[in-house]
Every structure is written in C-alpha cells, then in structure tokens.
Amino acid sequence: MKVNYYLCSMMTLVFTTGIWFTTASYATTVSSTTTAASQKVNKSHGRFAPTIPATGRGVFIFDPRRVAWAAYDSEGKLVRTGAASGGRNYCPDLHRRCHTPTGTFKVYAIQGASCKSKKFPIPKGGAPMPYCAYFHGGYAVHGSYHVPGYNASHGCIRVHPSDAAWLTKNILRPGSTVIVRPY
C-alpha cells in the first residue's frame, strides 16, 4: 500500500511541475515500479519523474537543491535514487565558488574502485574517488564516505560508494547522459 501512496504523491508532484501523464502511462509506471526487489527508489528522494523520454542509454540526474540523484534506464524508467553532494558555494582553498557545472553532459571516462583525484587535496591530489565517471573536464560522479546532506565538494558529485559502484556498473557508461539541474 505504501508504494501506491508514494506513487500517487509522486504523480501529484510531477503533475504540479508541468509534466502530464495519461492514465495509461501512469498505470505502466505503477506496475513497473512495484517490482521493488530489482529497483531501489527511495521515498525521500521522490522528487524525480517516474519516467523520462527513452534515450537508449542510462541517464543520471543530479539536483543540487535537493542534494539527491536519480538513475534512469535506457527505456527512461526511474530505477534508483539516492543522496548526493555537489559543489559548495565557496571553497576557501580555491578562494571561489565551487558549484558543479549545470547542464547536460556525456560521460567520457569511467574508472573503478582505485580512482583518485589528480587535483584535490591541493596541491598533490590523491583524494579517493571510487567508481568515478567523468562527465565534464575534471568533474565526475564518484563515491565518497562524506555525503553530508548539503553541497560540500569542490564541484564533483559525491554519492555513497555502493551507489557509485552500482551506477558505473548499470547506468554510467561512456556516452551516458549526466544532467545537473540548476542550484
């Protein structure tokens, strides 16, 4: 019963943000989302549409206002959400804003558990970034044990390490889309 209630409130939220669904597409979303064993969609991160237009590849969306992410499969179905942390308003070591670039990007490189920053901490780098997926310059979606519920990074998108491993295995491949919503 909780799944139905959650989907109803998600549907209402999606409806009020200007995205309309027909009864048939909503029914399809309900039936596909109820297979919760294979999907991990967290209710606290339920501010993402249940479907997006299919791209033929995985899509990752980061919302810095809600410090949350969503993963969509190649058919455009929401399959997983989680907590995230993007670039903070000001980085004292850089003396400037560190926001994650907003827009639509493509993953161009991924690395496994041994991925490390080449820049941070300044000056030599070496910060662990397990299961990183680079999408713009040196910016990446990567695992971190510090995902504090607010934007705290130098610009990368931090997710929990288990989520980063899952994302690079299932969603974030070279050519996958990364969307960073506005701050």
C-alpha atoms as a PDB file:
ATOM      1  CA  MET A   1       0.000   0.000   0.000  1.00  0.00           C
ATOM      2  CA  LYS A   2       2.872   2.395   0.698  1.00  0.00           C
ATOM      3  CA  VAL A   3       4.066   2.026  -2.878  1.00  0.00           C
ATOM      4  CA  ASN A   4       0.699   3.153  -4.220  1.00  0.00           C
ATOM      5  CA  TYR A   5       0.559   6.119  -1.851  1.00  0.00           C
ATOM      6  CA  TYR A   6       4.097   7.131  -2.789  1.00  0.00           C
ATOM      7  CA  LEU A   7       3.339   6.892  -6.483  1.00  0.00           C
ATOM      8  CA  CYS A   8       0.184   8.944  -6.024  1.00  0.00           C
ATOM      9  CA  SER A   9       2.089  11.708  -4.253  1.00  0.00           C
ATOM     10  CA  MET A  10       4.887  11.490  -6.831  1.00  0.00           C
ATOM     11  CA  MET A  11       2.305  11.747  -9.559  1.00  0.00           C
ATOM     12  CA  THR A  12       0.816  14.827  -7.922  1.00  0.00           C
ATOM     13  CA  LEU A  13       4.257  16.445  -7.622  1.00  0.00           C
ATOM     14  CA  VAL A  14       5.134  15.651 -11.223  1.00  0.00           C
ATOM     15  CA  PHE A  15       1.761  16.972 -12.323  1.00  0.00           C
ATOM     16  CA  THR A  16       2.262  20.284 -10.491  1.00  0.00           C
ATOM     17  CA  THR A  17       5.674  20.824 -12.082  1.00  0.00           C
ATOM     18  CA  GLY A  18       4.084  20.797 -15.520  1.00  0.00           C
ATOM     19  CA  ILE A  19       4.643  17.208 -16.611  1.00  0.00           C
ATOM     20  CA  TRP A  20       1.411  15.472 -17.541  1.00  0.00           C
ATOM     21  CA  PHE A  21       0.867  11.733 -17.698  1.00  0.00           C
ATOM     22  CA  THR A  22      -2.024   9.825 -19.204  1.00  0.00           C
ATOM     23  CA  THR A  23      -3.797   7.243 -17.098  1.00  0.00           C
ATOM     24  CA  ALA A  24      -2.197   4.516 -19.225  1.00  0.00           C
ATOM     25  CA  SER A  25       1.364   5.777 -18.722  1.00  0.00           C
ATOM     26  CA  TYR A  26       0.690   6.217 -15.005  1.00  0.00           C
ATOM     27  CA  ALA A  27      -0.611   2.627 -14.773  1.00  0.00           C
ATOM     28  CA  THR A  28       2.539   1.420 -16.574  1.00  0.00           C
ATOM     29  CA  THR A  29       4.681   3.346 -14.098  1.00  0.00           C
ATOM     30  CA  VAL A  30       2.835   1.794 -11.157  1.00  0.00           C
ATOM     31  CA  SER A  31       3.263  -1.738 -12.452  1.00  0.00           C
ATOM     32  CA  SER A  32       6.945  -1.271 -13.336  1.00  0.00           C
ATOM     33  CA  THR A  33       7.780   0.490 -10.072  1.00  0.00           C
ATOM     34  CA  THR A  34       6.175  -2.135  -7.866  1.00  0.00           C
ATOM     35  CA  THR A  35       8.966  -4.576  -8.715  1.00  0.00           C
ATOM     36  CA  ALA A  36      10.869  -3.029  -5.808  1.00  0.00           C
ATOM     37  CA  ALA A  37      13.184  -6.008  -5.394  1.00  0.00           C
ATOM     38  CA  SER A  38      15.098  -5.045  -8.520  1.00  0.00           C
ATOM     39  CA  GLN A  39      14.736  -1.286  -8.016  1.00  0.00           C
ATOM     40  CA  LYS A  40      15.830   0.961  -5.195  1.00  0.00           C
ATOM     41  CA  VAL A  41      13.792   4.138  -5.333  1.00  0.00           C
ATOM     42  CA  ASN A  42      13.995   5.916  -2.007  1.00  0.00           C
ATOM     43  CA  LYS A  43      10.830   7.724  -0.918  1.00  0.00           C
ATOM     44  CA  SER A  44      12.814  10.639   0.498  1.00  0.00           C
ATOM     45  CA  HIS A  45      14.244  11.259  -2.973  1.00  0.00           C
ATOM     46  CA  GLY A  46      10.867  11.008  -4.696  1.00  0.00           C
ATOM     47  CA  ARG A  47      11.002  14.370  -6.446  1.00  0.00           C
ATOM     48  CA  PHE A  48      12.018  12.824  -9.735  1.00  0.00           C
ATOM     49  CA  ALA A  49       9.661  11.903 -12.556  1.00  0.00           C
ATOM     50  CA  PRO A  50       8.911   8.160 -12.749  1.00  0.00           C
ATOM     51  CA  THR A  51       9.752   8.207 -16.464  1.00  0.00           C
ATOM     52  CA  ILE A  52      11.663  10.401 -18.907  1.00  0.00           C
ATOM     53  CA  PRO A  53      11.961  10.091 -22.695  1.00  0.00           C
ATOM     54  CA  ALA A  54      13.939   6.969 -23.625  1.00  0.00           C
ATOM     55  CA  THR A  55      17.487   7.656 -24.847  1.00  0.00           C
ATOM     56  CA  GLY A  56      18.766   4.139 -25.445  1.00  0.00           C
ATOM     57  CA  ARG A  57      21.369   4.747 -22.695  1.00  0.00           C
ATOM     58  CA  GLY A  58      21.339   5.334 -18.966  1.00  0.00           C
ATOM     59  CA  VAL A  59      20.622   8.822 -17.642  1.00  0.00           C
ATOM     60  CA  PHE A  60      21.836  10.257 -14.323  1.00  0.00           C
ATOM     61  CA  ILE A  61      20.182  13.399 -12.924  1.00  0.00           C
ATOM     62  CA  PHE A  62      21.625  15.383 -10.013  1.00  0.00           C
ATOM     63  CA  ASP A  63      19.528  18.007  -8.243  1.00  0.00           C
ATOM     64  CA  PRO A  64      21.792  20.230  -6.100  1.00  0.00           C
ATOM     65  CA  ARG A  65      18.810  21.936  -4.441  1.00  0.00           C
ATOM     66  CA  ARG A  66      17.603  18.627  -3.084  1.00  0.00           C
ATOM     67  CA  VAL A  67      21.061  17.021  -2.792  1.00  0.00           C
ATOM     68  CA  ALA A  68      19.694  13.932  -4.497  1.00  0.00           C
ATOM     69  CA  TRP A  69      20.233  11.912  -7.681  1.00  0.00           C
ATOM     70  CA  ALA A  70      18.103   9.714  -9.886  1.00  0.00           C
ATOM     71  CA  ALA A  71      19.091   6.994 -12.353  1.00  0.00           C
ATOM     72  CA  TYR A  72      17.007   6.085 -15.380  1.00  0.00           C
ATOM     73  CA  ASP A  73      17.488   3.017 -17.546  1.00  0.00           C
ATOM     74  CA  SER A  74      17.790   3.081 -21.337  1.00  0.00           C
ATOM     75  CA  GLU A  75      13.990   2.950 -21.641  1.00  0.00           C
ATOM     76  CA  GLY A  76      13.591   6.057 -19.463  1.00  0.00           C
ATOM     77  CA  LYS A  77      12.284   4.322 -16.339  1.00  0.00           C
ATOM     78  CA  LEU A  78      13.375   5.528 -12.902  1.00  0.00           C
ATOM     79  CA  VAL A  79      15.307   2.648 -11.350  1.00  0.00           C
ATOM     80  CA  ARG A  80      17.163   4.128  -8.388  1.00  0.00           C
ATOM     81  CA  THR A  81      17.613   7.310  -6.354  1.00  0.00           C
ATOM     82  CA  GLY A  82      19.937   8.382  -3.599  1.00  0.00           C
ATOM     83  CA  ALA A  83      21.616  11.101  -1.595  1.00  0.00           C
ATOM     84  CA  ALA A  84      24.313  13.214  -3.239  1.00  0.00           C
ATOM     85  CA  SER A  85      26.522  16.201  -2.550  1.00  0.00           C
ATOM     86  CA  GLY A  86      27.620  18.644  -5.246  1.00  0.00           C
ATOM     87  CA  GLY A  87      29.904  21.656  -5.342  1.00  0.00           C
ATOM     88  CA  ARG A  88      29.630  24.069  -2.456  1.00  0.00           C
ATOM     89  CA  ASN A  89      29.023  27.794  -2.637  1.00  0.00           C
ATOM     90  CA  TYR A  90      32.590  28.724  -1.665  1.00  0.00           C
ATOM     91  CA  CYS A  91      35.828  26.753  -1.423  1.00  0.00           C
ATOM     92  CA  PRO A  92      38.298  28.521   0.881  1.00  0.00           C
ATOM     93  CA  ASP A  93      41.309  26.697  -0.586  1.00  0.00           C
ATOM     94  CA  LEU A  94      40.394  27.965  -4.076  1.00  0.00           C
ATOM     95  CA  HIS A  95      39.011  31.357  -2.968  1.00  0.00           C
ATOM     96  CA  ARG A  96      35.991  30.988  -5.251  1.00  0.00           C
ATOM     97  CA  ARG A  97      32.644  29.310  -5.826  1.00  0.00           C
ATOM     98  CA  CYS A  98      32.800  25.578  -6.459  1.00  0.00           C
ATOM     99  CA  HIS A  99      29.369  24.815  -7.918  1.00  0.00           C
ATOM    100  CA  THR A 100      29.038  21.742 -10.101  1.00  0.00           C
ATOM    101  CA  PRO A 101      28.544  22.885 -13.707  1.00  0.00           C
ATOM    102  CA  THR A 102      24.870  22.780 -14.640  1.00  0.00           C
ATOM    103  CA  GLY A 103      23.544  21.439 -17.910  1.00  0.00           C
ATOM    104  CA  THR A 104      23.556  18.239 -19.920  1.00  0.00           C
ATOM    105  CA  PHE A 105      26.792  16.297 -20.385  1.00  0.00           C
ATOM    106  CA  LYS A 106      28.038  12.923 -21.622  1.00  0.00           C
ATOM    107  CA  VAL A 107      30.210  10.537 -19.627  1.00  0.00           C
ATOM    108  CA  TYR A 108      33.568  10.283 -21.372  1.00  0.00           C
ATOM    109  CA  ALA A 109      35.574   8.063 -18.980  1.00  0.00           C
ATOM    110  CA  ILE A 110      34.992   5.750 -16.036  1.00  0.00           C
ATOM    111  CA  GLN A 111      37.351   4.151 -13.527  1.00  0.00           C
ATOM    112  CA  GLY A 112      36.928   1.558 -10.822  1.00  0.00           C
ATOM    113  CA  ALA A 113      37.486   1.428  -7.083  1.00  0.00           C
ATOM    114  CA  SER A 114      41.021   2.838  -7.285  1.00  0.00           C
ATOM    115  CA  CYS A 115      40.045   6.172  -8.904  1.00  0.00           C
ATOM    116  CA  LYS A 116      41.748   9.152  -7.212  1.00  0.00           C
ATOM    117  CA  SER A 117      41.658  12.901  -7.680  1.00  0.00           C
ATOM    118  CA  LYS A 118      44.563  14.413  -9.578  1.00  0.00           C
ATOM    119  CA  LYS A 119      43.940  17.839  -8.001  1.00  0.00           C
ATOM    120  CA  PHE A 120      42.461  17.517  -4.514  1.00  0.00           C
ATOM    121  CA  PRO A 121      43.541  17.901  -1.853  1.00  0.00           C
ATOM    122  CA  ILE A 122      45.650  20.774  -3.157  1.00  0.00           C
ATOM    123  CA  PRO A 123      48.467  20.649  -4.207  1.00  0.00           C
ATOM    124  CA  LYS A 124      49.107  16.951  -4.943  1.00  0.00           C
ATOM    125  CA  GLY A 125      45.728  15.309  -5.204  1.00  0.00           C
ATOM    126  CA  GLY A 126      45.115  11.738  -4.150  1.00  0.00           C
ATOM    127  CA  ALA A 127      41.636  12.010  -2.627  1.00  0.00           C
ATOM    128  CA  PRO A 128      39.776   8.715  -3.142  1.00  0.00           C
ATOM    129  CA  MET A 129      37.005   8.902  -5.760  1.00  0.00           C
ATOM    130  CA  PRO A 130      35.943   5.260  -6.115  1.00  0.00           C
ATOM    131  CA  TYR A 131      33.928   4.306  -9.175  1.00  0.00           C
ATOM    132  CA  CYS A 132      34.266   7.684 -10.868  1.00  0.00           C
ATOM    133  CA  ALA A 133      32.502   8.666 -14.088  1.00  0.00           C
ATOM    134  CA  TYR A 134      33.936  11.818 -15.680  1.00  0.00           C
ATOM    135  CA  PHE A 135      31.374  13.962 -17.485  1.00  0.00           C
ATOM    136  CA  HIS A 136      32.880  17.467 -17.955  1.00  0.00           C
ATOM    137  CA  GLY A 137      36.527  18.457 -17.694  1.00  0.00           C
ATOM    138  CA  GLY A 138      37.716  17.062 -14.370  1.00  0.00           C
ATOM    139  CA  TYR A 139      34.210  16.823 -12.904  1.00  0.00           C
ATOM    140  CA  ALA A 140      32.931  13.373 -12.054  1.00  0.00           C
ATOM    141  CA  VAL A 141      30.194  11.445 -10.314  1.00  0.00           C
ATOM    142  CA  HIS A 142      32.063   9.355  -7.738  1.00  0.00           C
ATOM    143  CA  GLY A 143      31.828   7.501  -4.473  1.00  0.00           C
ATOM    144  CA  SER A 144      32.549   9.202  -1.161  1.00  0.00           C
ATOM    145  CA  TYR A 145      32.070   8.402   2.502  1.00  0.00           C
ATOM    146  CA  HIS A 146      31.268  12.096   3.027  1.00  0.00           C
ATOM    147  CA  VAL A 147      27.811  12.750   1.585  1.00  0.00           C
ATOM    148  CA  PRO A 148      26.598  15.121   4.305  1.00  0.00           C
ATOM    149  CA  GLY A 149      23.142  16.199   3.095  1.00  0.00           C
ATOM    150  CA  TYR A 150      24.381  19.538   1.740  1.00  0.00           C
ATOM    151  CA  ASN A 151      26.663  20.558  -1.124  1.00  0.00           C
ATOM    152  CA  ALA A 152      30.212  20.152   0.165  1.00  0.00           C
ATOM    153  CA  SER A 153      32.501  19.189  -2.723  1.00  0.00           C
ATOM    154  CA  HIS A 154      34.894  21.100  -4.964  1.00  0.00           C
ATOM    155  CA  GLY A 155      32.464  20.500  -7.835  1.00  0.00           C
ATOM    156  CA  CYS A 156      32.226  16.749  -8.308  1.00  0.00           C
ATOM    157  CA  ILE A 157      29.011  14.899  -7.484  1.00  0.00           C
ATOM    158  CA  ARG A 158      29.534  12.681  -4.458  1.00  0.00           C
ATOM    159  CA  VAL A 159      27.354   9.627  -3.928  1.00  0.00           C
ATOM    160  CA  HIS A 160      27.734   6.760  -1.472  1.00  0.00           C
ATOM    161  CA  PRO A 161      30.408   4.259  -2.617  1.00  0.00           C
ATOM    162  CA  SER A 162      27.935   1.387  -3.035  1.00  0.00           C
ATOM    163  CA  ASP A 163      25.761   3.644  -5.200  1.00  0.00           C
ATOM    164  CA  ALA A 164      28.788   4.717  -7.264  1.00  0.00           C
ATOM    165  CA  ALA A 165      29.706   1.073  -7.868  1.00  0.00           C
ATOM    166  CA  TRP A 166      26.130   0.301  -8.924  1.00  0.00           C
ATOM    167  CA  LEU A 167      25.936   3.395 -11.146  1.00  0.00           C
ATOM    168  CA  THR A 168      29.161   2.610 -13.035  1.00  0.00           C
ATOM    169  CA  LYS A 169      28.034  -0.981 -13.495  1.00  0.00           C
ATOM    170  CA  ASN A 170      24.474  -0.228 -14.618  1.00  0.00           C
ATOM    171  CA  ILE A 171      23.967   3.387 -15.734  1.00  0.00           C
ATOM    172  CA  LEU A 172      27.121   5.491 -16.134  1.00  0.00           C
ATOM    173  CA  ARG A 173      28.998   4.244 -19.205  1.00  0.00           C
ATOM    174  CA  PRO A 174      30.869   6.277 -21.804  1.00  0.00           C
ATOM    175  CA  GLY A 175      28.150   8.102 -23.733  1.00  0.00           C
ATOM    176  CA  SER A 176      25.591   8.056 -20.895  1.00  0.00           C
ATOM    177  CA  THR A 177      23.889  11.346 -20.118  1.00  0.00           C
ATOM    178  CA  VAL A 178      24.522  13.327 -16.926  1.00  0.00           C
ATOM    179  CA  ILE A 179      22.090  16.151 -16.192  1.00  0.00           C
ATOM    180  CA  VAL A 180      22.908  18.649 -13.464  1.00  0.00           C
ATOM    181  CA  ARG A 181      19.943  20.793 -12.531  1.00  0.00           C
ATOM    182  CA  PRO A 182      20.379  24.458 -11.510  1.00  0.00           C
ATOM    183  CA  TYR A 183      21.295  25.484  -7.982  1.00  0.00           C
END
